[in-house]
């Protein structure tokens, strides 16, 4: 990149951070429920058109579900945008979100096994994707005495990243930044018989060419490899948002049997 391009990127990041701080400062004057719903509308009608999120969601639906009816496609796009907006503003309201996450209803066959792992100190790797508000897992389990760490991806915007990290740190600790050092710290934490949570639904250029919705998706198999190496339980979980609210269900699925990383 040229110096002019670098300066332009820095300037755009600064403007973006200022706008976010401005909106957050205003929304903090309102009750939590109003704040989150305002964030939903701000993201759907202002942020997503500017960032291209809406178009990306539409393109993805056209790719994997080309025969989906237009009204159903529109409904899914809007629900997705609503969830992203609410999730963003929930994470930036850590005090209230933490309470909402602690109230999540626990469901699924993996819940009893998870409780047992706390007594036996067996390592557990909890895996999910960017579904509902995934950070409910930390707000809920840490409040119940579980030692749960999570891998996070620092924001591209360096001016906003400090605010983001401060907010998600208030939901629960420890957090491990994605990268060589963070991964090493996380594996040490897991090896000591604790829990980690990972979101594995991102494209990885050096991942395995697995199938998702019938399409090739280059997927990381590191979670399965860690489960095999440290004899850890590999358990999928899903956080389900109940309507346009900060009410959630936390589903713990049956653990994935140890075999080989690609099959797992």
Protein backbone atom coordinates (compact mmCIF):
# COMPACT_ATOMS: atom_id res chain seq x y z
CA UNK A 1 0.00 0.00 0.00
CA UNK A 2 1.14 3.56 -0.72
CA UNK A 3 1.46 6.16 2.03
CA UNK A 4 -1.68 7.88 0.75
CA UNK A 5 -3.63 4.62 0.94
CA UNK A 6 -2.35 3.96 4.46
CA UNK A 7 -3.37 7.44 5.60
CA UNK A 8 -6.79 7.02 4.02
CA UNK A 9 -7.36 3.68 5.80
CA UNK A 10 -6.29 5.21 9.13
CA UNK A 11 -8.56 8.19 8.55
CA UNK A 12 -11.55 5.96 7.69
CA UNK A 13 -10.92 3.87 10.81
CA UNK A 14 -10.78 7.05 12.94
CA UNK A 15 -14.04 8.36 11.47
CA UNK A 16 -15.69 4.98 11.98
CA UNK A 17 -14.56 4.84 15.62
CA UNK A 18 -15.79 8.38 16.29
CA UNK A 19 -19.21 7.57 14.84
CA UNK A 20 -19.46 4.39 16.94
CA UNK A 21 -18.50 6.22 20.13
CA UNK A 22 -21.04 8.94 19.33
CA UNK A 23 -23.88 6.45 18.80
CA UNK A 24 -22.95 4.45 21.91
CA UNK A 25 -22.83 7.60 24.04
CA UNK A 26 -26.36 8.53 22.99
CA UNK A 27 -27.75 5.01 23.39
CA UNK A 28 -26.34 4.69 26.91
CA UNK A 29 -28.95 7.26 27.96
CA UNK A 30 -31.71 4.75 27.22
CA UNK A 31 -32.78 1.51 28.96
CA UNK A 32 -31.11 -1.69 27.77
CA UNK A 33 -34.09 -3.03 25.80
CA UNK A 34 -34.50 0.22 23.85
CA UNK A 35 -30.73 0.42 23.31
CA UNK A 36 -30.53 -3.06 21.79
CA UNK A 37 -33.53 -2.58 19.53
CA UNK A 38 -32.18 0.78 18.39
CA UNK A 39 -28.90 -0.97 17.61
CA UNK A 40 -30.82 -3.53 15.56
CA UNK A 41 -32.41 -0.81 13.42
CA UNK A 42 -29.18 1.18 13.11
CA UNK A 43 -27.35 -1.88 11.83
CA UNK A 44 -30.09 -2.99 9.43
CA UNK A 45 -30.77 0.38 7.81
CA UNK A 46 -27.49 2.28 8.17
CA UNK A 47 -24.50 0.04 8.85
CA UNK A 48 -25.30 -2.98 6.67
CA UNK A 49 -25.85 -1.00 3.43
CA UNK A 50 -22.57 0.86 3.97
CA UNK A 51 -20.52 -2.24 4.83
CA UNK A 52 -22.09 -4.55 2.27
CA UNK A 53 -23.33 -7.04 4.88
CA UNK A 54 -26.82 -7.23 3.40
CA UNK A 55 -25.50 -7.92 -0.09
CA UNK A 56 -23.13 -10.59 1.22
CA UNK A 57 -25.96 -12.40 3.03
CA UNK A 58 -28.10 -12.29 -0.12
CA UNK A 59 -25.23 -13.64 -2.22
CA UNK A 60 -24.63 -16.48 0.23
CA UNK A 61 -28.31 -17.46 0.20
CA UNK A 62 -28.35 -17.38 -3.61
CA UNK A 63 -25.27 -19.62 -3.63
CA UNK A 64 -26.50 -22.36 -1.30
CA UNK A 65 -30.31 -22.03 -1.60
CA UNK A 66 -30.97 -20.75 -5.13
CA UNK A 67 -34.58 -22.01 -5.15
CA UNK A 68 -35.57 -20.19 -1.96
CA UNK A 69 -38.72 -18.09 -2.42
CA UNK A 70 -38.08 -14.34 -2.51
CA UNK A 71 -40.28 -13.57 0.50
CA UNK A 72 -38.53 -16.27 2.55
CA UNK A 73 -35.13 -14.99 1.43
CA UNK A 74 -36.05 -11.44 2.45
CA UNK A 75 -37.24 -12.68 5.84
CA UNK A 76 -33.99 -14.59 6.47
CA UNK A 77 -31.84 -11.62 5.40
CA UNK A 78 -33.71 -9.26 7.74
CA UNK A 79 -33.58 -11.71 10.66
CA UNK A 80 -29.86 -12.18 10.10
CA UNK A 81 -29.24 -8.42 10.01
CA UNK A 82 -31.37 -7.94 13.14
CA UNK A 83 -29.38 -10.59 15.00
CA UNK A 84 -26.02 -9.12 13.98
CA UNK A 85 -27.09 -5.64 15.08
CA UNK A 86 -28.49 -6.84 18.40
CA UNK A 87 -25.41 -8.98 19.07
CA UNK A 88 -23.07 -6.05 18.41
CA UNK A 89 -24.88 -3.73 20.79
CA UNK A 90 -25.32 -6.46 23.41
CA UNK A 91 -21.57 -7.07 23.48
CA UNK A 92 -21.05 -3.33 23.89
CA UNK A 93 -23.48 -3.34 26.86
CA UNK A 94 -21.64 -6.02 28.87
CA UNK A 95 -23.22 -5.37 32.28
CA UNK A 96 -26.80 -5.89 31.13
CA UNK A 97 -25.94 -8.57 28.58
CA UNK A 98 -24.11 -10.59 31.22
CA UNK A 99 -27.31 -10.75 33.30
CA UNK A 100 -29.35 -11.76 30.23
CA UNK A 101 -26.86 -14.51 29.38
CA UNK A 102 -26.94 -15.88 32.92
CA UNK A 103 -30.72 -16.30 32.60
CA UNK A 104 -30.48 -18.42 29.43
CA UNK A 105 -32.48 -21.66 29.53
CA UNK A 106 -30.17 -24.70 29.42
CA UNK A 107 -31.21 -27.50 27.09
CA UNK A 108 -29.73 -30.52 25.34
CA UNK A 109 -28.13 -33.90 26.10
CA UNK A 110 -24.66 -32.45 26.68
CA UNK A 111 -25.60 -30.38 29.74
CA UNK A 112 -25.28 -33.23 32.26
CA UNK A 113 -21.94 -34.34 30.85
CA UNK A 114 -20.65 -30.79 31.02
CA UNK A 115 -21.52 -30.65 34.71
CA UNK A 116 -19.70 -33.92 35.27
CA UNK A 117 -16.57 -32.62 33.53
CA UNK A 118 -16.27 -29.89 36.14
CA UNK A 119 -15.91 -32.54 38.86
CA UNK A 120 -13.41 -34.66 36.91
CA UNK A 121 -11.37 -31.73 35.48
CA UNK A 122 -11.57 -33.23 31.99
CA UNK A 123 -10.79 -30.64 29.29
CA UNK A 124 -13.77 -29.53 27.20
CA UNK A 125 -13.78 -27.81 23.81
CA UNK A 126 -17.10 -26.12 23.12
CA UNK A 127 -17.64 -25.37 19.42
CA UNK A 128 -20.23 -23.28 17.65
CA UNK A 129 -20.64 -20.61 14.99
CA UNK A 130 -21.78 -17.00 14.75
CA UNK A 131 -25.34 -17.96 15.63
CA UNK A 132 -27.66 -16.14 18.04
CA UNK A 133 -25.36 -14.34 20.46
CA UNK A 134 -22.56 -16.86 20.91
CA UNK A 135 -21.12 -15.02 23.97
CA UNK A 136 -24.04 -16.19 26.09
CA UNK A 137 -21.89 -19.29 26.66
CA UNK A 138 -19.29 -17.28 28.59
CA UNK A 139 -21.79 -15.14 30.52
CA UNK A 140 -23.69 -18.25 31.60
CA UNK A 141 -21.00 -20.83 32.40
CA UNK A 142 -18.52 -18.50 34.10
CA UNK A 143 -21.28 -17.37 36.48
CA UNK A 144 -21.73 -21.05 37.43
CA UNK A 145 -18.10 -21.53 38.39
CA UNK A 146 -16.74 -22.97 35.16
CA UNK A 147 -13.25 -21.89 34.11
CA UNK A 148 -13.98 -21.01 30.50
CA UNK A 149 -11.63 -19.24 28.10
CA UNK A 150 -12.39 -18.14 24.56
CA UNK A 151 -10.52 -17.28 21.39
CA UNK A 152 -11.40 -13.89 19.91
CA UNK A 153 -10.49 -12.05 16.73
CA UNK A 154 -9.23 -8.49 17.32
CA UNK A 155 -11.14 -5.82 15.39
CA UNK A 156 -9.58 -4.56 12.16
CA UNK A 157 -10.15 -1.03 13.43
CA UNK A 158 -7.33 -0.40 15.94
CA UNK A 159 -9.04 2.72 17.34
CA UNK A 160 -12.14 0.74 18.27
CA UNK A 161 -10.49 -2.55 19.27
CA UNK A 162 -9.61 -1.36 22.79
CA UNK A 163 -13.26 -0.52 23.50
CA UNK A 164 -14.41 -3.84 22.06
CA UNK A 165 -11.88 -5.84 24.09
CA UNK A 166 -12.78 -3.98 27.30
CA UNK A 167 -16.47 -4.76 26.77
CA UNK A 168 -16.10 -8.47 26.05
CA UNK A 169 -13.58 -8.80 28.90
CA UNK A 170 -16.29 -7.63 31.31
CA UNK A 171 -18.47 -10.54 30.15
CA UNK A 172 -15.82 -13.02 31.27
CA UNK A 173 -12.12 -13.88 31.27
CA UNK A 174 -9.73 -15.18 30.09
CA UNK A 175 -9.70 -14.24 26.41
CA UNK A 176 -7.06 -15.32 23.90
CA UNK A 177 -6.33 -13.21 20.83
CA UNK A 178 -6.27 -15.17 17.58
CA UNK A 179 -2.66 -15.74 16.58
CA UNK A 180 0.35 -17.83 17.53
CA UNK A 181 0.76 -16.46 21.06
CA UNK A 182 -2.96 -16.58 21.85
CA UNK A 183 -3.26 -20.15 20.60
CA UNK A 184 -0.32 -21.26 22.77
CA UNK A 185 -1.87 -19.68 25.86
CA UNK A 186 -5.25 -21.22 25.07
CA UNK A 187 -3.84 -24.73 24.65
CA UNK A 188 -2.02 -24.43 27.97
CA UNK A 189 -5.31 -23.38 29.59
CA UNK A 190 -7.12 -26.36 28.03
CA UNK A 191 -4.37 -28.80 28.99
CA UNK A 192 -4.90 -27.84 32.64
CA UNK A 193 -8.38 -29.42 32.52
CA UNK A 194 -10.44 -26.32 31.76
CA UNK A 195 -12.93 -25.29 29.07
CA UNK A 196 -12.48 -23.27 25.90
CA UNK A 197 -15.08 -22.00 23.42
CA UNK A 198 -14.38 -21.67 19.69
CA UNK A 199 -16.37 -20.43 16.69
CA UNK A 200 -15.34 -22.56 13.73
CA UNK A 201 -17.59 -21.27 10.93
CA UNK A 202 -15.00 -19.11 9.18
CA UNK A 203 -13.20 -19.69 5.89
CA UNK A 204 -9.61 -20.82 6.44
CA UNK A 205 -7.27 -20.61 3.46
CA UNK A 206 -5.24 -23.55 4.81
CA UNK A 207 -8.28 -25.52 6.03
CA UNK A 208 -9.64 -28.83 4.83
CA UNK A 209 -11.99 -28.75 1.78
CA UNK A 210 -15.10 -30.02 3.58
CA UNK A 211 -18.70 -29.71 2.41
CA UNK A 212 -21.21 -27.20 3.79
CA UNK A 213 -24.64 -26.85 2.15
CA UNK A 214 -23.20 -28.98 -0.64
CA UNK A 215 -20.43 -26.47 -1.35
CA UNK A 216 -16.70 -26.74 -0.65
CA UNK A 217 -15.82 -24.83 2.51
CA UNK A 218 -12.21 -24.67 3.65
CA UNK A 219 -12.60 -25.50 7.32
CA UNK A 220 -10.23 -25.57 10.30
CA UNK A 221 -9.90 -28.98 11.96
CA UNK A 222 -7.79 -27.63 14.84
CA UNK A 223 -10.57 -28.11 17.41
CA UNK A 224 -10.77 -31.83 16.62
CA UNK A 225 -6.97 -32.14 16.68
CA UNK A 226 -6.82 -30.50 20.11
CA UNK A 227 -9.57 -32.79 21.40
CA UNK A 228 -7.55 -35.83 20.33
CA UNK A 229 -4.26 -34.48 21.67
CA UNK A 230 -5.55 -33.53 25.13
CA UNK A 231 -8.32 -36.15 25.45
CA UNK A 232 -10.86 -33.35 25.57
CA UNK A 233 -14.62 -33.57 25.17
CA UNK A 234 -15.61 -31.95 21.85
CA UNK A 235 -19.13 -30.60 22.33
CA UNK A 236 -21.18 -28.47 19.90
CA UNK A 237 -23.35 -25.75 21.43
CA UNK A 238 -25.88 -23.33 19.99
CA UNK A 239 -27.27 -20.11 21.42
CA UNK A 240 -30.81 -19.52 20.17
CA UNK A 241 -32.26 -16.02 20.38
CA UNK A 242 -35.97 -15.92 21.25
CA UNK A 243 -37.47 -13.41 18.85
CA UNK A 244 -36.18 -9.83 18.81
CA UNK A 245 -35.20 -9.94 22.48
CA UNK A 246 -32.18 -10.58 24.67
CA UNK A 247 -33.72 -13.84 25.87
CA UNK A 248 -31.84 -17.01 24.93
CA UNK A 249 -31.76 -20.79 24.98
CA UNK A 250 -28.37 -22.45 25.38
CA UNK A 251 -28.27 -25.88 23.72
CA UNK A 252 -25.50 -28.37 24.54
CA UNK A 253 -25.36 -31.19 21.99
CA UNK A 254 -24.09 -34.77 22.29
CA UNK A 255 -20.25 -34.73 22.20
CA UNK A 256 -18.54 -35.70 18.95
CA UNK A 257 -16.86 -39.09 19.20
CA UNK A 258 -13.09 -39.17 18.82
CA UNK A 259 -11.96 -40.62 15.50
CA UNK A 260 -10.00 -38.65 12.90
CA UNK A 261 -10.07 -34.81 12.63
CA UNK A 262 -11.80 -34.64 9.23
CA UNK A 263 -14.59 -37.00 10.25
CA UNK A 264 -15.00 -35.20 13.57
